[in-house]
C-alpha cells in the first residue's frame, strides 16, 4: 500500500535505538561526539527501496565518513514477509556494501517512536541529537523516470553538518507501508 511518511516535528530529540543487527549482534546508540545521526527505515522487498538501494548505500556510506552515525532499520513483520528476514537482510548488506548497521525492529517500538509509516523513510539529527530533516530520499519513484540521486537526503546531511537551520519546507517520503504485526 502506497503510504506517505508522517512529519515528525523538527527539533524532536533522537529516540533511543537499542536493537539487534541482522547478524544477531546488539547495537547500542553511541554517546561519543558525532557530526550527526542518519536513520533510514528500509526493507528488502519494497519497490521504492529497491529503486534507490545502490545510490542510498553510497550516500549513507559517505555520511559515515563524514562522522555521522548511520543506521538502517527494518521494522517490517518479517515472519509474514520472509523477503525481509534477517537472512535476506544479510544478503542486502553484502550486495550493497552497507558500511553501517542494518537493524531489526522486532517489536516495532522503534518505528513507533519515530512515527515511521513507510519504507524508505529518512531522518537526520544534528550533533545535539535534534531532528533537522525528515522526509524523502529524492524525487525518484519506481517508473517515474526521475534520476535516483539522493538530492534531498544529501542536502539534509550537508546542511546538518554545516549547522544550517532548515526552513521546515521538507517533502514527506513515499513508499510501501511498514508491515505491522497483527
C-alpha atoms as a PDB file:
ATOM      1  CA  UNK A   1       0.000   0.000   0.000  1.00  0.00           C
ATOM      2  CA  UNK A   2       1.457   3.353  -1.049  1.00  0.00           C
ATOM      3  CA  UNK A   3       1.946   5.446   2.088  1.00  0.00           C
ATOM      4  CA  UNK A   4       3.409   8.870   2.890  1.00  0.00           C
ATOM      5  CA  UNK A   5       5.561   9.457   5.933  1.00  0.00           C
ATOM      6  CA  UNK A   6       4.389  11.341   8.982  1.00  0.00           C
ATOM      7  CA  UNK A   7       6.346  14.501   9.542  1.00  0.00           C
ATOM      8  CA  UNK A   8       7.896  14.162  12.994  1.00  0.00           C
ATOM      9  CA  UNK A   9       8.326  17.733  14.332  1.00  0.00           C
ATOM     10  CA  UNK A  10      11.729  19.304  13.694  1.00  0.00           C
ATOM     11  CA  UNK A  11      13.910  19.593  16.831  1.00  0.00           C
ATOM     12  CA  UNK A  12      12.465  16.329  18.176  1.00  0.00           C
ATOM     13  CA  UNK A  13      15.125  14.508  20.195  1.00  0.00           C
ATOM     14  CA  UNK A  14      16.612  11.349  18.680  1.00  0.00           C
ATOM     15  CA  UNK A  15      14.734   8.370  20.135  1.00  0.00           C
ATOM     16  CA  UNK A  16      16.904   5.722  21.767  1.00  0.00           C
ATOM     17  CA  UNK A  17      17.912   2.930  19.393  1.00  0.00           C
ATOM     18  CA  UNK A  18      18.841  -0.348  21.047  1.00  0.00           C
ATOM     19  CA  UNK A  19      18.260  -3.183  18.569  1.00  0.00           C
ATOM     20  CA  UNK A  20      19.925  -6.283  17.164  1.00  0.00           C
ATOM     21  CA  UNK A  21      21.536  -6.101  13.763  1.00  0.00           C
ATOM     22  CA  UNK A  22      20.712  -8.664  11.101  1.00  0.00           C
ATOM     23  CA  UNK A  23      23.666 -10.817  12.190  1.00  0.00           C
ATOM     24  CA  UNK A  24      22.406 -11.009  15.793  1.00  0.00           C
ATOM     25  CA  UNK A  25      24.777  -8.543  17.483  1.00  0.00           C
ATOM     26  CA  UNK A  26      23.326  -5.861  19.737  1.00  0.00           C
ATOM     27  CA  UNK A  27      23.558  -2.263  18.507  1.00  0.00           C
ATOM     28  CA  UNK A  28      23.630   0.421  21.169  1.00  0.00           C
ATOM     29  CA  UNK A  29      23.486   4.049  20.123  1.00  0.00           C
ATOM     30  CA  UNK A  30      26.909   5.653  20.603  1.00  0.00           C
ATOM     31  CA  UNK A  31      27.316   8.533  23.022  1.00  0.00           C
ATOM     32  CA  UNK A  32      30.599   9.910  21.648  1.00  0.00           C
ATOM     33  CA  UNK A  33      30.781  13.040  19.543  1.00  0.00           C
ATOM     34  CA  UNK A  34      29.270  12.688  16.096  1.00  0.00           C
ATOM     35  CA  UNK A  35      28.545  15.241  13.383  1.00  0.00           C
ATOM     36  CA  UNK A  36      25.012  13.907  13.426  1.00  0.00           C
ATOM     37  CA  UNK A  37      22.841  10.858  13.012  1.00  0.00           C
ATOM     38  CA  UNK A  38      21.070   9.440   9.961  1.00  0.00           C
ATOM     39  CA  UNK A  39      18.297   6.907  10.455  1.00  0.00           C
ATOM     40  CA  UNK A  40      16.803   5.131   7.433  1.00  0.00           C
ATOM     41  CA  UNK A  41      13.718   2.944   7.695  1.00  0.00           C
ATOM     42  CA  UNK A  42      14.072   0.478   4.834  1.00  0.00           C
ATOM     43  CA  UNK A  43      13.308  -3.129   3.967  1.00  0.00           C
ATOM     44  CA  UNK A  44      14.373  -5.624   1.320  1.00  0.00           C
ATOM     45  CA  UNK A  45      11.249  -6.141  -0.765  1.00  0.00           C
ATOM     46  CA  UNK A  46       9.643  -2.702  -1.251  1.00  0.00           C
ATOM     47  CA  UNK A  47       9.978  -1.444  -4.865  1.00  0.00           C
ATOM     48  CA  UNK A  48      10.510   2.113  -3.560  1.00  0.00           C
ATOM     49  CA  UNK A  49      13.547   0.933  -1.572  1.00  0.00           C
ATOM     50  CA  UNK A  50      14.825  -1.344  -4.343  1.00  0.00           C
ATOM     51  CA  UNK A  51      14.701   1.683  -6.675  1.00  0.00           C
ATOM     52  CA  UNK A  52      17.268   3.592  -4.560  1.00  0.00           C
ATOM     53  CA  UNK A  53      19.414   0.898  -2.858  1.00  0.00           C
ATOM     54  CA  UNK A  54      22.661   1.393  -4.802  1.00  0.00           C
ATOM     55  CA  UNK A  55      22.704   5.189  -4.561  1.00  0.00           C
ATOM     56  CA  UNK A  56      21.383   5.100  -0.986  1.00  0.00           C
ATOM     57  CA  UNK A  57      24.223   2.812   0.078  1.00  0.00           C
ATOM     58  CA  UNK A  58      26.808   5.165  -1.471  1.00  0.00           C
ATOM     59  CA  UNK A  59      25.308   8.244   0.202  1.00  0.00           C
ATOM     60  CA  UNK A  60      24.932   6.614   3.617  1.00  0.00           C
ATOM     61  CA  UNK A  61      28.469   5.187   3.431  1.00  0.00           C
ATOM     62  CA  UNK A  62      29.742   8.721   2.671  1.00  0.00           C
ATOM     63  CA  UNK A  63      27.793  10.050   5.671  1.00  0.00           C
ATOM     64  CA  UNK A  64      29.695   7.553   7.851  1.00  0.00           C
ATOM     65  CA  UNK A  65      32.967   9.020   6.523  1.00  0.00           C
ATOM     66  CA  UNK A  66      31.650  12.499   7.457  1.00  0.00           C
ATOM     67  CA  UNK A  67      31.392  11.278  11.089  1.00  0.00           C
ATOM     68  CA  UNK A  68      27.630  10.696  11.058  1.00  0.00           C
ATOM     69  CA  UNK A  69      26.295   7.689  12.913  1.00  0.00           C
ATOM     70  CA  UNK A  70      24.169   5.893  10.326  1.00  0.00           C
ATOM     71  CA  UNK A  71      21.713   3.063  10.882  1.00  0.00           C
ATOM     72  CA  UNK A  72      19.151   1.406   8.664  1.00  0.00           C
ATOM     73  CA  UNK A  73      16.175  -0.172  10.402  1.00  0.00           C
ATOM     74  CA  UNK A  74      13.814  -2.855   9.124  1.00  0.00           C
ATOM     75  CA  UNK A  75      10.581  -2.675  11.126  1.00  0.00           C
ATOM     76  CA  UNK A  76       8.544  -4.991   8.904  1.00  0.00           C
ATOM     77  CA  UNK A  77       6.960  -8.156  10.276  1.00  0.00           C
ATOM     78  CA  UNK A  78       9.465 -10.427   8.556  1.00  0.00           C
ATOM     79  CA  UNK A  79       7.704 -13.604   9.649  1.00  0.00           C
ATOM     80  CA  UNK A  80       4.766 -12.573   7.463  1.00  0.00           C
ATOM     81  CA  UNK A  81       7.074 -11.086   4.795  1.00  0.00           C
ATOM     82  CA  UNK A  82      10.028 -13.530   4.540  1.00  0.00           C
ATOM     83  CA  UNK A  83      11.842 -11.386   1.939  1.00  0.00           C
ATOM     84  CA  UNK A  84      12.582  -9.072   4.894  1.00  0.00           C
ATOM     85  CA  UNK A  85      14.061 -11.832   7.085  1.00  0.00           C
ATOM     86  CA  UNK A  86      17.408 -11.376   8.839  1.00  0.00           C
ATOM     87  CA  UNK A  87      18.990 -13.835   6.385  1.00  0.00           C
ATOM     88  CA  UNK A  88      17.841 -11.738   3.436  1.00  0.00           C
ATOM     89  CA  UNK A  89      18.949  -8.556   5.206  1.00  0.00           C
ATOM     90  CA  UNK A  90      22.471 -10.020   5.403  1.00  0.00           C
ATOM     91  CA  UNK A  91      22.373 -10.607   1.638  1.00  0.00           C
ATOM     92  CA  UNK A  92      21.481  -6.916   1.117  1.00  0.00           C
ATOM     93  CA  UNK A  93      24.269  -5.765   3.457  1.00  0.00           C
ATOM     94  CA  UNK A  94      26.803  -7.706   1.413  1.00  0.00           C
ATOM     95  CA  UNK A  95      25.335  -6.997  -2.039  1.00  0.00           C
ATOM     96  CA  UNK A  96      25.057  -3.233  -1.498  1.00  0.00           C
ATOM     97  CA  UNK A  97      28.141  -2.872   0.720  1.00  0.00           C
ATOM     98  CA  UNK A  98      26.388  -1.281   3.705  1.00  0.00           C
ATOM     99  CA  UNK A  99      29.103   0.126   5.987  1.00  0.00           C
ATOM    100  CA  UNK A 100      26.505   0.839   8.657  1.00  0.00           C
ATOM    101  CA  UNK A 101      24.322  -1.369  10.859  1.00  0.00           C
ATOM    102  CA  UNK A 102      21.120  -2.807   9.369  1.00  0.00           C
ATOM    103  CA  UNK A 103      18.911  -3.340  12.420  1.00  0.00           C
ATOM    104  CA  UNK A 104      15.819  -5.419  13.129  1.00  0.00           C
ATOM    105  CA  UNK A 105      12.975  -3.665  14.943  1.00  0.00           C
ATOM    106  CA  UNK A 106      11.418  -6.894  16.198  1.00  0.00           C
ATOM    107  CA  UNK A 107       8.881  -5.188  18.496  1.00  0.00           C
ATOM    108  CA  UNK A 108       8.262  -2.313  16.048  1.00  0.00           C
ATOM    109  CA  UNK A 109       8.587   0.069  19.013  1.00  0.00           C
ATOM    110  CA  UNK A 110      11.414   1.976  17.332  1.00  0.00           C
ATOM    111  CA  UNK A 111       9.265   2.669  14.261  1.00  0.00           C
ATOM    112  CA  UNK A 112       6.507   3.903  16.564  1.00  0.00           C
ATOM    113  CA  UNK A 113       8.949   6.186  18.420  1.00  0.00           C
ATOM    114  CA  UNK A 114       9.917   7.801  15.096  1.00  0.00           C
ATOM    115  CA  UNK A 115       6.296   7.846  13.855  1.00  0.00           C
ATOM    116  CA  UNK A 116       7.654   5.928  10.851  1.00  0.00           C
ATOM    117  CA  UNK A 117       4.987   4.788   8.410  1.00  0.00           C
ATOM    118  CA  UNK A 118       6.729   3.740   5.215  1.00  0.00           C
ATOM    119  CA  UNK A 119       9.867   2.476   3.546  1.00  0.00           C
ATOM    120  CA  UNK A 120      12.028   4.226   2.635  1.00  0.00           C
ATOM    121  CA  UNK A 121      11.873   6.989   5.234  1.00  0.00           C
ATOM    122  CA  UNK A 122      14.822   9.147   6.329  1.00  0.00           C
ATOM    123  CA  UNK A 123      15.649  11.152   9.460  1.00  0.00           C
ATOM    124  CA  UNK A 124      18.707  13.351  10.055  1.00  0.00           C
ATOM    125  CA  UNK A 125      19.654  14.592  13.520  1.00  0.00           C
ATOM    126  CA  UNK A 126      22.354  17.105  14.431  1.00  0.00           C
ATOM    127  CA  UNK A 127      25.227  16.572  16.869  1.00  0.00           C
ATOM    128  CA  UNK A 128      22.893  17.539  19.734  1.00  0.00           C
ATOM    129  CA  UNK A 129      20.513  14.760  18.611  1.00  0.00           C
ATOM    130  CA  UNK A 130      17.812  17.187  17.454  1.00  0.00           C
ATOM    131  CA  UNK A 131      15.850  16.398  14.288  1.00  0.00           C
ATOM    132  CA  UNK A 132      16.865  18.563  11.328  1.00  0.00           C
ATOM    133  CA  UNK A 133      15.302  16.562   8.482  1.00  0.00           C
ATOM    134  CA  UNK A 134      12.586  14.002   7.922  1.00  0.00           C
ATOM    135  CA  UNK A 135      11.389  13.034   4.508  1.00  0.00           C
ATOM    136  CA  UNK A 136      12.231  11.624   1.137  1.00  0.00           C
ATOM    137  CA  UNK A 137      15.470  10.468  -0.470  1.00  0.00           C
ATOM    138  CA  UNK A 138      14.825  12.333  -3.717  1.00  0.00           C
ATOM    139  CA  UNK A 139      12.022  12.821  -6.237  1.00  0.00           C
ATOM    140  CA  UNK A 140      12.503   9.432  -7.923  1.00  0.00           C
ATOM    141  CA  UNK A 141       9.961   6.658  -7.591  1.00  0.00           C
ATOM    142  CA  UNK A 142       9.755   3.381  -9.486  1.00  0.00           C
ATOM    143  CA  UNK A 143       8.780   4.117 -13.071  1.00  0.00           C
ATOM    144  CA  UNK A 144       8.584   7.930 -12.882  1.00  0.00           C
ATOM    145  CA  UNK A 145      11.754   8.399 -14.965  1.00  0.00           C
ATOM    146  CA  UNK A 146      13.389  10.751 -12.444  1.00  0.00           C
ATOM    147  CA  UNK A 147      17.088  10.259 -11.725  1.00  0.00           C
ATOM    148  CA  UNK A 148      17.924   8.448  -8.493  1.00  0.00           C
ATOM    149  CA  UNK A 149      20.409  10.876  -6.936  1.00  0.00           C
ATOM    150  CA  UNK A 150      19.529  11.250  -3.236  1.00  0.00           C
ATOM    151  CA  UNK A 151      19.418  15.036  -3.622  1.00  0.00           C
ATOM    152  CA  UNK A 152      17.071  15.713  -0.686  1.00  0.00           C
ATOM    153  CA  UNK A 153      18.999  13.496   1.728  1.00  0.00           C
ATOM    154  CA  UNK A 154      22.398  14.815   0.575  1.00  0.00           C
ATOM    155  CA  UNK A 155      21.243  18.403   1.153  1.00  0.00           C
ATOM    156  CA  UNK A 156      19.931  17.466   4.604  1.00  0.00           C
ATOM    157  CA  UNK A 157      23.241  15.851   5.591  1.00  0.00           C
ATOM    158  CA  UNK A 158      25.286  18.797   4.272  1.00  0.00           C
ATOM    159  CA  UNK A 159      23.048  21.356   5.986  1.00  0.00           C
ATOM    160  CA  UNK A 160      23.205  19.471   9.267  1.00  0.00           C
ATOM    161  CA  UNK A 161      27.000  19.086   9.058  1.00  0.00           C
ATOM    162  CA  UNK A 162      27.308  22.862   8.448  1.00  0.00           C
ATOM    163  CA  UNK A 163      24.782  23.748  11.191  1.00  0.00           C
ATOM    164  CA  UNK A 164      22.342  25.351   8.749  1.00  0.00           C
ATOM    165  CA  UNK A 165      18.804  25.604  10.071  1.00  0.00           C
ATOM    166  CA  UNK A 166      16.072  24.143   7.872  1.00  0.00           C
ATOM    167  CA  UNK A 167      13.134  26.300   6.907  1.00  0.00           C
ATOM    168  CA  UNK A 168      10.960  23.261   7.583  1.00  0.00           C
ATOM    169  CA  UNK A 169       9.837  23.007   3.950  1.00  0.00           C
ATOM    170  CA  UNK A 170      10.558  19.307   3.518  1.00  0.00           C
ATOM    171  CA  UNK A 171       8.775  16.744   1.376  1.00  0.00           C
ATOM    172  CA  UNK A 172       7.458  13.563   3.008  1.00  0.00           C
ATOM    173  CA  UNK A 173       8.801  10.231   1.900  1.00  0.00           C
ATOM    174  CA  UNK A 174       6.511   7.932  -0.031  1.00  0.00           C
ATOM    175  CA  UNK A 175       6.716   4.175  -0.284  1.00  0.00           C
ATOM    176  CA  UNK A 176       5.392   0.884   1.000  1.00  0.00           C
ATOM    177  CA  UNK A 177       3.669   0.930   4.358  1.00  0.00           C
ATOM    178  CA  UNK A 178       5.513  -0.688   7.241  1.00  0.00           C
ATOM    179  CA  UNK A 179       4.189  -4.226   7.598  1.00  0.00           C
ATOM    180  CA  UNK A 180       2.813  -4.061  11.133  1.00  0.00           C
ATOM    181  CA  UNK A 181       2.296  -7.167  13.219  1.00  0.00           C
ATOM    182  CA  UNK A 182      -1.318  -8.081  13.824  1.00  0.00           C
END
